[in-house]
Amino acid sequence: QVQLVESGGGLVQPGGSLRLSCAASGIAFSFYTMGWYRQAPGKQRELVARITSGSTIDYADSAKGRFTISRDNAKNTVYLQMNSLKPEDTAVYYCNAVRIAYNRAYWGQGIQVTVSS
């Protein structure tokens, strides 16, 4: 059974930081591209950042310079360090695991991040 479990969300003031974690089980984690997506109310889900099995990283323009994605294959965990948070970063953040060669894709249940004073 595949599980992606996000943690670390919550309420933070503008300019603050949060670190999201996604612990994966039931997959060969090191072979997967891991990503963080977010969905704000009334908007489509969008990519925030992703890291391939070879540690190639892509960021959305909105995340560049503020967010850092990383992975620990020994812990089957992917992280998203979010700094200088803005109210527009408020959304439900989802962890994603993809292995294109095997046509496999999985989502976490999502975790709320709210940036507000």
PDB file of N, CA and C in Angstrom:
ATOM      1  N   GLN A   1       0.848  -1.190   0.000  1.00  0.00           N
ATOM      2  CA  GLN A   1       0.000   0.000   0.000  1.00  0.00           C
ATOM      3  C   GLN A   1       0.887   1.244   0.000  1.00  0.00           C
ATOM      4  N   VAL A   2       0.631   2.119  -0.952  1.00  0.00           N
ATOM      5  CA  VAL A   2       1.424   3.331  -1.069  1.00  0.00           C
ATOM      6  C   VAL A   2       0.831   4.420  -0.183  1.00  0.00           C
ATOM      7  N   GLN A   3       1.713   5.070   0.566  1.00  0.00           N
ATOM      8  CA  GLN A   3       1.276   6.197   1.379  1.00  0.00           C
ATOM      9  C   GLN A   3       2.280   7.335   1.242  1.00  0.00           C
ATOM     10  N   LEU A   4       1.751   8.533   1.066  1.00  0.00           N
ATOM     11  CA  LEU A   4       2.545   9.759   1.131  1.00  0.00           C
ATOM     12  C   LEU A   4       1.910  10.611   2.223  1.00  0.00           C
ATOM     13  N   VAL A   5       2.657  10.851   3.285  1.00  0.00           N
ATOM     14  CA  VAL A   5       2.101  11.536   4.446  1.00  0.00           C
ATOM     15  C   VAL A   5       2.830  12.848   4.658  1.00  0.00           C
ATOM     16  N   GLU A   6       2.088  13.951   4.469  1.00  0.00           N
ATOM     17  CA  GLU A   6       2.671  15.281   4.646  1.00  0.00           C
ATOM     18  C   GLU A   6       2.561  15.728   6.100  1.00  0.00           C
ATOM     19  N   SER A   7       3.524  16.537   6.511  1.00  0.00           N
ATOM     20  CA  SER A   7       3.489  17.129   7.839  1.00  0.00           C
ATOM     21  C   SER A   7       4.224  18.460   7.799  1.00  0.00           C
ATOM     22  N   GLY A   8       4.008  19.276   8.847  1.00  0.00           N
ATOM     23  CA  GLY A   8       4.746  20.526   8.973  1.00  0.00           C
ATOM     24  C   GLY A   8       3.987  21.776   8.572  1.00  0.00           C
ATOM     25  N   GLY A   9       2.754  21.625   8.137  1.00  0.00           N
ATOM     26  CA  GLY A   9       1.971  22.783   7.753  1.00  0.00           C
ATOM     27  C   GLY A   9       1.454  23.538   8.978  1.00  0.00           C
ATOM     28  N   GLY A  10       0.701  24.601   8.703  1.00  0.00           N
ATOM     29  CA  GLY A  10       0.117  25.363   9.797  1.00  0.00           C
ATOM     30  C   GLY A  10      -0.031  26.827   9.452  1.00  0.00           C
ATOM     31  N   LEU A  11      -0.183  27.615  10.503  1.00  0.00           N
ATOM     32  CA  LEU A  11      -0.372  29.053  10.377  1.00  0.00           C
ATOM     33  C   LEU A  11       0.945  29.763  10.682  1.00  0.00           C
ATOM     34  N   VAL A  12       1.317  30.677   9.815  1.00  0.00           N
ATOM     35  CA  VAL A  12       2.570  31.428   9.998  1.00  0.00           C
ATOM     36  C   VAL A  12       2.337  32.865   9.559  1.00  0.00           C
ATOM     37  N   GLN A  13       3.057  33.776  10.174  1.00  0.00           N
ATOM     38  CA  GLN A  13       2.946  35.179   9.795  1.00  0.00           C
ATOM     39  C   GLN A  13       3.728  35.463   8.523  1.00  0.00           C
ATOM     40  N   PRO A  14       3.323  36.488   7.795  1.00  0.00           N
ATOM     41  CA  PRO A  14       4.105  36.886   6.608  1.00  0.00           C
ATOM     42  C   PRO A  14       5.567  37.111   6.967  1.00  0.00           C
ATOM     43  N   GLY A  15       6.452  36.612   6.097  1.00  0.00           N
ATOM     44  CA  GLY A  15       7.877  36.687   6.356  1.00  0.00           C
ATOM     45  C   GLY A  15       8.424  35.505   7.127  1.00  0.00           C
ATOM     46  N   GLY A  16       7.551  34.671   7.626  1.00  0.00           N
ATOM     47  CA  GLY A  16       7.974  33.513   8.409  1.00  0.00           C
ATOM     48  C   GLY A  16       8.380  32.335   7.549  1.00  0.00           C
ATOM     49  N   SER A  17       8.686  31.241   8.230  1.00  0.00           N
ATOM     50  CA  SER A  17       9.167  30.032   7.552  1.00  0.00           C
ATOM     51  C   SER A  17       8.399  28.810   8.030  1.00  0.00           C
ATOM     52  N   LEU A  18       8.328  27.842   7.153  1.00  0.00           N
ATOM     53  CA  LEU A  18       7.801  26.516   7.482  1.00  0.00           C
ATOM     54  C   LEU A  18       8.610  25.486   6.718  1.00  0.00           C
ATOM     55  N   ARG A  19       8.680  24.293   7.288  1.00  0.00           N
ATOM     56  CA  ARG A  19       9.312  23.179   6.597  1.00  0.00           C
ATOM     57  C   ARG A  19       8.310  22.055   6.484  1.00  0.00           C
ATOM     58  N   LEU A  20       7.939  21.741   5.256  1.00  0.00           N
ATOM     59  CA  LEU A  20       7.044  20.614   5.004  1.00  0.00           C
ATOM     60  C   LEU A  20       7.861  19.345   4.798  1.00  0.00           C
ATOM     61  N   SER A  21       7.309  18.244   5.284  1.00  0.00           N
ATOM     62  CA  SER A  21       7.915  16.930   5.068  1.00  0.00           C
ATOM     63  C   SER A  21       6.883  16.011   4.437  1.00  0.00           C
ATOM     64  N   CYS A  22       7.354  15.094   3.624  1.00  0.00           N
ATOM     65  CA  CYS A  22       6.492  14.064   3.040  1.00  0.00           C
ATOM     66  C   CYS A  22       7.203  12.736   3.176  1.00  0.00           C
ATOM     67  N   ALA A  23       6.649  11.884   4.017  1.00  0.00           N
ATOM     68  CA  ALA A  23       7.216  10.555   4.228  1.00  0.00           C
ATOM     69  C   ALA A  23       6.488   9.554   3.345  1.00  0.00           C
ATOM     70  N   ALA A  24       7.258   8.844   2.540  1.00  0.00           N
ATOM     71  CA  ALA A  24       6.689   7.886   1.592  1.00  0.00           C
ATOM     72  C   ALA A  24       6.902   6.456   2.075  1.00  0.00           C
ATOM     73  N   SER A  25       5.927   5.619   1.780  1.00  0.00           N
ATOM     74  CA  SER A  25       6.068   4.187   2.048  1.00  0.00           C
ATOM     75  C   SER A  25       5.372   3.426   0.932  1.00  0.00           C
ATOM     76  N   GLY A  26       5.844   2.205   0.703  1.00  0.00           N
ATOM     77  CA  GLY A  26       5.223   1.359  -0.315  1.00  0.00           C
ATOM     78  C   GLY A  26       5.726   1.588  -1.724  1.00  0.00           C
ATOM     79  N   ILE A  27       6.729   2.451  -1.891  1.00  0.00           N
ATOM     80  CA  ILE A  27       7.312   2.692  -3.209  1.00  0.00           C
ATOM     81  C   ILE A  27       8.843   2.622  -3.116  1.00  0.00           C
ATOM     82  N   ALA A  28       9.462   2.378  -4.272  1.00  0.00           N
ATOM     83  CA  ALA A  28      10.924   2.421  -4.349  1.00  0.00           C
ATOM     84  C   ALA A  28      11.328   3.889  -4.463  1.00  0.00           C
ATOM     85  N   PHE A  29      11.364   4.548  -3.335  1.00  0.00           N
ATOM     86  CA  PHE A  29      11.432   6.008  -3.257  1.00  0.00           C
ATOM     87  C   PHE A  29      12.553   6.602  -4.112  1.00  0.00           C
ATOM     88  N   SER A  30      13.709   6.021  -4.063  1.00  0.00           N
ATOM     89  CA  SER A  30      14.866   6.641  -4.729  1.00  0.00           C
ATOM     90  C   SER A  30      14.702   6.720  -6.241  1.00  0.00           C
ATOM     91  N   PHE A  31      13.780   5.957  -6.802  1.00  0.00           N
ATOM     92  CA  PHE A  31      13.572   5.962  -8.251  1.00  0.00           C
ATOM     93  C   PHE A  31      12.506   6.974  -8.697  1.00  0.00           C
ATOM     94  N   TYR A  32      11.852   7.595  -7.746  1.00  0.00           N
ATOM     95  CA  TYR A  32      10.735   8.481  -8.054  1.00  0.00           C
ATOM     96  C   TYR A  32      11.147   9.946  -8.108  1.00  0.00           C
ATOM     97  N   THR A  33      10.537  10.675  -9.035  1.00  0.00           N
ATOM     98  CA  THR A  33      10.554  12.129  -8.980  1.00  0.00           C
ATOM     99  C   THR A  33       9.534  12.550  -7.926  1.00  0.00           C
ATOM    100  N   MET A  34       9.995  13.356  -6.980  1.00  0.00           N
ATOM    101  CA  MET A  34       9.126  13.819  -5.891  1.00  0.00           C
ATOM    102  C   MET A  34       8.833  15.301  -6.082  1.00  0.00           C
ATOM    103  N   GLY A  35       7.593  15.656  -5.882  1.00  0.00           N
ATOM    104  CA  GLY A  35       7.216  17.047  -6.087  1.00  0.00           C
ATOM    105  C   GLY A  35       6.287  17.565  -5.016  1.00  0.00           C
ATOM    106  N   TRP A  36       6.266  18.887  -4.917  1.00  0.00           N
ATOM    107  CA  TRP A  36       5.295  19.590  -4.081  1.00  0.00           C
ATOM    108  C   TRP A  36       4.433  20.447  -5.000  1.00  0.00           C
ATOM    109  N   TYR A  37       3.132  20.313  -4.831  1.00  0.00           N
ATOM    110  CA  TYR A  37       2.151  21.106  -5.541  1.00  0.00           C
ATOM    111  C   TYR A  37       1.308  21.841  -4.509  1.00  0.00           C
ATOM    112  N   ARG A  38       0.591  22.841  -4.971  1.00  0.00           N
ATOM    113  CA  ARG A  38      -0.319  23.536  -4.064  1.00  0.00           C
ATOM    114  C   ARG A  38      -1.580  23.941  -4.806  1.00  0.00           C
ATOM    115  N   GLN A  39      -2.644  24.083  -4.023  1.00  0.00           N
ATOM    116  CA  GLN A  39      -3.926  24.500  -4.581  1.00  0.00           C
ATOM    117  C   GLN A  39      -4.570  25.492  -3.634  1.00  0.00           C
ATOM    118  N   ALA A  40      -4.741  26.696  -4.115  1.00  0.00           N
ATOM    119  CA  ALA A  40      -5.422  27.734  -3.341  1.00  0.00           C
ATOM    120  C   ALA A  40      -6.913  27.697  -3.676  1.00  0.00           C
ATOM    121  N   PRO A  41      -7.752  28.208  -2.796  1.00  0.00           N
ATOM    122  CA  PRO A  41      -9.189  28.204  -3.059  1.00  0.00           C
ATOM    123  C   PRO A  41      -9.525  28.875  -4.384  1.00  0.00           C
ATOM    124  N   GLY A  42     -10.296  28.169  -5.193  1.00  0.00           N
ATOM    125  CA  GLY A  42     -10.735  28.726  -6.471  1.00  0.00           C
ATOM    126  C   GLY A  42      -9.694  28.687  -7.568  1.00  0.00           C
ATOM    127  N   LYS A  43      -8.550  28.070  -7.291  1.00  0.00           N
ATOM    128  CA  LYS A  43      -7.481  28.014  -8.284  1.00  0.00           C
ATOM    129  C   LYS A  43      -7.110  26.566  -8.595  1.00  0.00           C
ATOM    130  N   GLN A  44      -6.428  26.397  -9.711  1.00  0.00           N
ATOM    131  CA  GLN A  44      -5.978  25.065 -10.095  1.00  0.00           C
ATOM    132  C   GLN A  44      -4.737  24.672  -9.290  1.00  0.00           C
ATOM    133  N   ARG A  45      -4.547  23.384  -9.160  1.00  0.00           N
ATOM    134  CA  ARG A  45      -3.345  22.876  -8.513  1.00  0.00           C
ATOM    135  C   ARG A  45      -2.145  23.224  -9.386  1.00  0.00           C
ATOM    136  N   GLU A  46      -1.071  23.664  -8.752  1.00  0.00           N
ATOM    137  CA  GLU A  46       0.107  24.091  -9.500  1.00  0.00           C
ATOM    138  C   GLU A  46       1.375  23.514  -8.879  1.00  0.00           C
ATOM    139  N   LEU A  47       2.353  23.300  -9.730  1.00  0.00           N
ATOM    140  CA  LEU A  47       3.645  22.817  -9.265  1.00  0.00           C
ATOM    141  C   LEU A  47       4.357  23.913  -8.474  1.00  0.00           C
ATOM    142  N   VAL A  48       4.935  23.521  -7.352  1.00  0.00           N
ATOM    143  CA  VAL A  48       5.779  24.419  -6.569  1.00  0.00           C
ATOM    144  C   VAL A  48       7.249  24.085  -6.811  1.00  0.00           C
ATOM    145  N   ALA A  49       7.581  22.800  -6.661  1.00  0.00           N
ATOM    146  CA  ALA A  49       8.963  22.362  -6.853  1.00  0.00           C
ATOM    147  C   ALA A  49       8.975  20.851  -7.020  1.00  0.00           C
ATOM    148  N   ARG A  50       9.994  20.345  -7.710  1.00  0.00           N
ATOM    149  CA  ARG A  50      10.144  18.907  -7.841  1.00  0.00           C
ATOM    150  C   ARG A  50      11.620  18.568  -7.930  1.00  0.00           C
ATOM    151  N   ILE A  51      11.920  17.337  -7.527  1.00  0.00           N
ATOM    152  CA  ILE A  51      13.292  16.860  -7.528  1.00  0.00           C
ATOM    153  C   ILE A  51      13.286  15.447  -8.091  1.00  0.00           C
ATOM    154  N   THR A  52      14.122  15.225  -9.086  1.00  0.00           N
ATOM    155  CA  THR A  52      14.158  13.922  -9.731  1.00  0.00           C
ATOM    156  C   THR A  52      14.980  12.927  -8.923  1.00  0.00           C
ATOM    157  N   SER A  53      14.998  11.699  -9.401  1.00  0.00           N
ATOM    158  CA  SER A  53      15.800  10.668  -8.744  1.00  0.00           C
ATOM    159  C   SER A  53      17.283  11.007  -8.808  1.00  0.00           C
ATOM    160  N   GLY A  54      17.661  11.779  -9.818  1.00  0.00           N
ATOM    161  CA  GLY A  54      19.046  12.205  -9.946  1.00  0.00           C
ATOM    162  C   GLY A  54      19.314  13.556  -9.317  1.00  0.00           C
ATOM    163  N   SER A  55      18.313  14.062  -8.556  1.00  0.00           N
ATOM    164  CA  SER A  55      18.409  15.323  -7.825  1.00  0.00           C
ATOM    165  C   SER A  55      18.425  16.566  -8.703  1.00  0.00           C
ATOM    166  N   THR A  56      17.905  16.439  -9.923  1.00  0.00           N
ATOM    167  CA  THR A  56      17.648  17.642 -10.730  1.00  0.00           C
ATOM    168  C   THR A  56      16.407  18.314 -10.153  1.00  0.00           C
ATOM    169  N   ILE A  57      16.481  19.624 -10.006  1.00  0.00           N
ATOM    170  CA  ILE A  57      15.425  20.376  -9.324  1.00  0.00           C
ATOM    171  C   ILE A  57      14.807  21.422 -10.246  1.00  0.00           C
ATOM    172  N   ASP A  58      13.500  21.537 -10.171  1.00  0.00           N
ATOM    173  CA  ASP A  58      12.766  22.602 -10.849  1.00  0.00           C
ATOM    174  C   ASP A  58      11.929  23.335  -9.808  1.00  0.00           C
ATOM    175  N   TYR A  59      11.837  24.658  -9.976  1.00  0.00           N
ATOM    176  CA  TYR A  59      10.988  25.479  -9.128  1.00  0.00           C
ATOM    177  C   TYR A  59      10.033  26.297  -9.983  1.00  0.00           C
ATOM    178  N   ALA A  60       8.833  26.511  -9.458  1.00  0.00           N
ATOM    179  CA  ALA A  60       7.966  27.519 -10.039  1.00  0.00           C
ATOM    180  C   ALA A  60       8.606  28.887  -9.820  1.00  0.00           C
ATOM    181  N   ASP A  61       8.297  29.815 -10.705  1.00  0.00           N
ATOM    182  CA  ASP A  61       8.866  31.160 -10.561  1.00  0.00           C
ATOM    183  C   ASP A  61       8.530  31.758  -9.194  1.00  0.00           C
ATOM    184  N   SER A  62       7.347  31.452  -8.693  1.00  0.00           N
ATOM    185  CA  SER A  62       6.910  32.019  -7.421  1.00  0.00           C
ATOM    186  C   SER A  62       7.710  31.476  -6.242  1.00  0.00           C
ATOM    187  N   ALA A  63       8.379  30.333  -6.446  1.00  0.00           N
ATOM    188  CA  ALA A  63       9.128  29.691  -5.366  1.00  0.00           C
ATOM    189  C   ALA A  63      10.624  29.973  -5.411  1.00  0.00           C
ATOM    190  N   LYS A  64      11.098  30.403  -6.554  1.00  0.00           N
ATOM    191  CA  LYS A  64      12.537  30.603  -6.711  1.00  0.00           C
ATOM    192  C   LYS A  64      13.074  31.643  -5.728  1.00  0.00           C
ATOM    193  N   GLY A  65      14.171  31.273  -5.069  1.00  0.00           N
ATOM    194  CA  GLY A  65      14.802  32.190  -4.125  1.00  0.00           C
ATOM    195  C   GLY A  65      14.214  32.163  -2.733  1.00  0.00           C
ATOM    196  N   ARG A  66      13.060  31.518  -2.568  1.00  0.00           N
ATOM    197  CA  ARG A  66      12.413  31.471  -1.242  1.00  0.00           C
ATOM    198  C   ARG A  66      12.241  30.050  -0.732  1.00  0.00           C
ATOM    199  N   PHE A  67      11.988  29.115  -1.641  1.00  0.00           N
ATOM    200  CA  PHE A  67      11.720  27.722  -1.263  1.00  0.00           C
ATOM    201  C   PHE A  67      12.884  26.831  -1.686  1.00  0.00           C
ATOM    202  N   THR A  68      13.108  25.781  -0.905  1.00  0.00           N
ATOM    203  CA  THR A  68      14.144  24.806  -1.233  1.00  0.00           C
ATOM    204  C   THR A  68      13.577  23.402  -1.063  1.00  0.00           C
ATOM    205  N   ILE A  69      13.652  22.618  -2.124  1.00  0.00           N
ATOM    206  CA  ILE A  69      13.231  21.226  -2.053  1.00  0.00           C
ATOM    207  C   ILE A  69      14.468  20.352  -1.875  1.00  0.00           C
ATOM    208  N   SER A  70      14.310  19.295  -1.093  1.00  0.00           N
ATOM    209  CA  SER A  70      15.404  18.358  -0.897  1.00  0.00           C
ATOM    210  C   SER A  70      14.808  16.976  -0.607  1.00  0.00           C
ATOM    211  N   ARG A  71      15.651  15.967  -0.718  1.00  0.00           N
ATOM    212  CA  ARG A  71      15.180  14.611  -0.450  1.00  0.00           C
ATOM    213  C   ARG A  71      16.237  13.853   0.331  1.00  0.00           C
ATOM    214  N   ASP A  72      15.755  12.911   1.134  1.00  0.00           N
ATOM    215  CA  ASP A  72      16.614  12.007   1.889  1.00  0.00           C
ATOM    216  C   ASP A  72      16.168  10.599   1.545  1.00  0.00           C
ATOM    217  N   ASN A  73      16.895   9.963   0.645  1.00  0.00           N
ATOM    218  CA  ASN A  73      16.482   8.635   0.189  1.00  0.00           C
ATOM    219  C   ASN A  73      16.580   7.586   1.308  1.00  0.00           C
ATOM    220  N   ALA A  74      17.452   7.803   2.256  1.00  0.00           N
ATOM    221  CA  ALA A  74      17.572   6.864   3.366  1.00  0.00           C
ATOM    222  C   ALA A  74      16.335   6.900   4.264  1.00  0.00           C
ATOM    223  N   LYS A  75      15.657   8.042   4.292  1.00  0.00           N
ATOM    224  CA  LYS A  75      14.458   8.197   5.121  1.00  0.00           C
ATOM    225  C   LYS A  75      13.182   8.178   4.300  1.00  0.00           C
ATOM    226  N   ASN A  76      13.300   7.991   2.979  1.00  0.00           N
ATOM    227  CA  ASN A  76      12.126   7.999   2.091  1.00  0.00           C
ATOM    228  C   ASN A  76      11.290   9.262   2.295  1.00  0.00           C
ATOM    229  N   THR A  77      11.969  10.378   2.405  1.00  0.00           N
ATOM    230  CA  THR A  77      11.301  11.628   2.735  1.00  0.00           C
ATOM    231  C   THR A  77      11.771  12.754   1.813  1.00  0.00           C
ATOM    232  N   VAL A  78      10.815  13.590   1.427  1.00  0.00           N
ATOM    233  CA  VAL A  78      11.112  14.798   0.669  1.00  0.00           C
ATOM    234  C   VAL A  78      10.665  15.996   1.504  1.00  0.00           C
ATOM    235  N   TYR A  79      11.432  17.067   1.407  1.00  0.00           N
ATOM    236  CA  TYR A  79      11.187  18.257   2.217  1.00  0.00           C
ATOM    237  C   TYR A  79      10.959  19.469   1.328  1.00  0.00           C
ATOM    238  N   LEU A  80      10.245  20.433   1.886  1.00  0.00           N
ATOM    239  CA  LEU A  80      10.120  21.738   1.246  1.00  0.00           C
ATOM    240  C   LEU A  80      10.326  22.792   2.331  1.00  0.00           C
ATOM    241  N   GLN A  81      11.469  23.446   2.272  1.00  0.00           N
ATOM    242  CA  GLN A  81      11.749  24.548   3.177  1.00  0.00           C
ATOM    243  C   GLN A  81      11.213  25.817   2.545  1.00  0.00           C
ATOM    244  N   MET A  82      10.318  26.469   3.243  1.00  0.00           N
ATOM    245  CA  MET A  82       9.670  27.677   2.718  1.00  0.00           C
ATOM    246  C   MET A  82      10.032  28.861   3.610  1.00  0.00           C
ATOM    247  N   ASN A  83      10.714  29.832   3.025  1.00  0.00           N
ATOM    248  CA  ASN A  83      11.109  31.038   3.738  1.00  0.00           C
ATOM    249  C   ASN A  83      10.426  32.261   3.130  1.00  0.00           C
ATOM    250  N   SER A  84      10.461  33.351   3.858  1.00  0.00           N
ATOM    251  CA  SER A  84       9.872  34.611   3.378  1.00  0.00           C
ATOM    252  C   SER A  84       8.461  34.398   2.856  1.00  0.00           C
ATOM    253  N   LEU A  85       7.660  33.707   3.626  1.00  0.00           N
ATOM    254  CA  LEU A  85       6.314  33.355   3.187  1.00  0.00           C
ATOM    255  C   LEU A  85       5.439  34.588   3.034  1.00  0.00           C
ATOM    256  N   LYS A  86       4.568  34.513   2.036  1.00  0.00           N
ATOM    257  CA  LYS A  86       3.658  35.603   1.702  1.00  0.00           C
ATOM    258  C   LYS A  86       2.220  35.107   1.824  1.00  0.00           C
ATOM    259  N   PRO A  87       1.276  36.014   2.007  1.00  0.00           N
ATOM    260  CA  PRO A  87      -0.129  35.573   2.066  1.00  0.00           C
ATOM    261  C   PRO A  87      -0.555  34.787   0.826  1.00  0.00           C
ATOM    262  N   GLU A  88       0.013  35.110  -0.313  1.00  0.00           N
ATOM    263  CA  GLU A  88      -0.350  34.387  -1.539  1.00  0.00           C
ATOM    264  C   GLU A  88       0.200  32.965  -1.583  1.00  0.00           C
ATOM    265  N   ASP A  89       1.007  32.591  -0.620  1.00  0.00           N
ATOM    266  CA  ASP A  89       1.461  31.206  -0.511  1.00  0.00           C
ATOM    267  C   ASP A  89       0.431  30.335   0.219  1.00  0.00           C
ATOM    268  N   THR A  90      -0.606  30.950   0.725  1.00  0.00           N
ATOM    269  CA  THR A  90      -1.654  30.204   1.411  1.00  0.00           C
ATOM    270  C   THR A  90      -2.321  29.232   0.452  1.00  0.00           C
ATOM    271  N   ALA A  91      -2.334  27.961   0.826  1.00  0.00           N
ATOM    272  CA  ALA A  91      -2.887  26.915  -0.034  1.00  0.00           C
ATOM    273  C   ALA A  91      -2.813  25.582   0.695  1.00  0.00           C
ATOM    274  N   VAL A  92      -3.448  24.593   0.105  1.00  0.00           N
ATOM    275  CA  VAL A  92      -3.206  23.212   0.514  1.00  0.00           C
ATOM    276  C   VAL A  92      -2.027  22.700  -0.319  1.00  0.00           C
ATOM    277  N   TYR A  93      -1.027  22.175   0.366  1.00  0.00           N
ATOM    278  CA  TYR A  93       0.182  21.680  -0.298  1.00  0.00           C
ATOM    279  C   TYR A  93       0.122  20.156  -0.371  1.00  0.00           C
ATOM    280  N   TYR A  94       0.412  19.646  -1.553  1.00  0.00           N
ATOM    281  CA  TYR A  94       0.327  18.211  -1.804  1.00  0.00           C
ATOM    282  C   TYR A  94       1.693  17.647  -2.202  1.00  0.00           C
ATOM    283  N   CYS A  95       1.996  16.509  -1.672  1.00  0.00           N
ATOM    284  CA  CYS A  95       3.176  15.763  -2.067  1.00  0.00           C
ATOM    285  C   CYS A  95       2.810  14.833  -3.232  1.00  0.00           C
ATOM    286  N   ASN A  96       3.740  14.698  -4.173  1.00  0.00           N
ATOM    287  CA  ASN A  96       3.503  13.891  -5.370  1.00  0.00           C
ATOM    288  C   ASN A  96       4.715  13.029  -5.647  1.00  0.00           C
ATOM    289  N   ALA A  97       4.447  11.789  -6.057  1.00  0.00           N
ATOM    290  CA  ALA A  97       5.525  10.867  -6.440  1.00  0.00           C
ATOM    291  C   ALA A  97       5.219  10.322  -7.826  1.00  0.00           C
ATOM    292  N   VAL A  98       6.187  10.419  -8.716  1.00  0.00           N
ATOM    293  CA  VAL A  98       5.992   9.985 -10.099  1.00  0.00           C
ATOM    294  C   VAL A  98       7.169   9.128 -10.540  1.00  0.00           C
ATOM    295  N   ARG A  99       6.825   8.031 -11.214  1.00  0.00           N
ATOM    296  CA  ARG A  99       7.847   7.213 -11.874  1.00  0.00           C
ATOM    297  C   ARG A  99       7.332   6.959 -13.284  1.00  0.00           C
ATOM    298  N   ILE A 100       7.728   7.827 -14.194  1.00  0.00           N
ATOM    299  CA  ILE A 100       7.169   7.832 -15.546  1.00  0.00           C
ATOM    300  C   ILE A 100       7.369   6.502 -16.260  1.00  0.00           C
ATOM    301  N   ALA A 101       8.542   5.911 -16.132  1.00  0.00           N
ATOM    302  CA  ALA A 101       8.847   4.683 -16.871  1.00  0.00           C
ATOM    303  C   ALA A 101       7.892   3.549 -16.508  1.00  0.00           C
ATOM    304  N   TYR A 102       7.331   3.612 -15.321  1.00  0.00           N
ATOM    305  CA  TYR A 102       6.405   2.576 -14.867  1.00  0.00           C
ATOM    306  C   TYR A 102       4.964   3.085 -14.802  1.00  0.00           C
ATOM    307  N   ASN A 103       4.751   4.297 -15.321  1.00  0.00           N
ATOM    308  CA  ASN A 103       3.404   4.882 -15.343  1.00  0.00           C
ATOM    309  C   ASN A 103       2.772   4.871 -13.955  1.00  0.00           C
ATOM    310  N   ARG A 104       3.537   5.314 -12.996  1.00  0.00           N
ATOM    311  CA  ARG A 104       3.068   5.345 -11.611  1.00  0.00           C
ATOM    312  C   ARG A 104       3.040   6.789 -11.114  1.00  0.00           C
ATOM    313  N   ALA A 105       1.972   7.144 -10.439  1.00  0.00           N
ATOM    314  CA  ALA A 105       1.858   8.476  -9.845  1.00  0.00           C
ATOM    315  C   ALA A 105       0.983   8.390  -8.607  1.00  0.00           C
ATOM    316  N   TYR A 106       1.429   9.053  -7.557  1.00  0.00           N
ATOM    317  CA  TYR A 106       0.709   9.016  -6.290  1.00  0.00           C
ATOM    318  C   TYR A 106       0.673  10.413  -5.682  1.00  0.00           C
ATOM    319  N   TRP A 107      -0.387  10.647  -4.879  1.00  0.00           N
ATOM    320  CA  TRP A 107      -0.565  11.930  -4.196  1.00  0.00           C
ATOM    321  C   TRP A 107      -0.740  11.698  -2.701  1.00  0.00           C
ATOM    322  N   GLY A 108      -0.254  12.660  -1.940  1.00  0.00           N
ATOM    323  CA  GLY A 108      -0.575  12.702  -0.526  1.00  0.00           C
ATOM    324  C   GLY A 108      -1.954  13.310  -0.320  1.00  0.00           C
ATOM    325  N   GLN A 109      -2.370  13.350   0.935  1.00  0.00           N
ATOM    326  CA  GLN A 109      -3.716  13.845   1.242  1.00  0.00           C
ATOM    327  C   GLN A 109      -3.777  15.367   1.303  1.00  0.00           C
ATOM    328  N   GLY A 110      -2.619  16.009   1.352  1.00  0.00           N
ATOM    329  CA  GLY A 110      -2.576  17.462   1.392  1.00  0.00           C
ATOM    330  C   GLY A 110      -2.467  17.997   2.800  1.00  0.00           C
ATOM    331  N   ILE A 111      -1.843  19.169   2.922  1.00  0.00           N
ATOM    332  CA  ILE A 111      -1.694  19.808   4.223  1.00  0.00           C
ATOM    333  C   ILE A 111      -1.855  21.318   4.045  1.00  0.00           C
ATOM    334  N   GLN A 112      -2.561  21.917   4.979  1.00  0.00           N
ATOM    335  CA  GLN A 112      -2.867  23.346   4.876  1.00  0.00           C
ATOM    336  C   GLN A 112      -1.674  24.195   5.333  1.00  0.00           C
ATOM    337  N   VAL A 113      -1.385  25.198   4.531  1.00  0.00           N
ATOM    338  CA  VAL A 113      -0.427  26.249   4.905  1.00  0.00           C
ATOM    339  C   VAL A 113      -1.162  27.577   4.796  1.00  0.00           C
ATOM    340  N   THR A 114      -1.201  28.299   5.897  1.00  0.00           N
ATOM    341  CA  THR A 114      -1.875  29.591   5.921  1.00  0.00           C
ATOM    342  C   THR A 114      -0.878  30.655   6.356  1.00  0.00           C
ATOM    343  N   VAL A 115      -0.744  31.686   5.522  1.00  0.00           N
ATOM    344  CA  VAL A 115       0.165  32.793   5.826  1.00  0.00           C
ATOM    345  C   VAL A 115      -0.696  34.025   6.082  1.00  0.00           C
ATOM    346  N   SER A 116      -0.726  34.443   7.332  1.00  0.00           N
ATOM    347  CA  SER A 116      -1.611  35.539   7.718  1.00  0.00           C
ATOM    348  C   SER A 116      -1.121  36.178   9.002  1.00  0.00           C
ATOM    349  N   SER A 117      -1.362  37.461   9.111  1.00  0.00           N
ATOM    350  CA  SER A 117      -1.030  38.164  10.345  1.00  0.00           C
ATOM    351  C   SER A 117      -2.241  38.211  11.267  1.00  0.00           C
TER     352      SER A 117
END
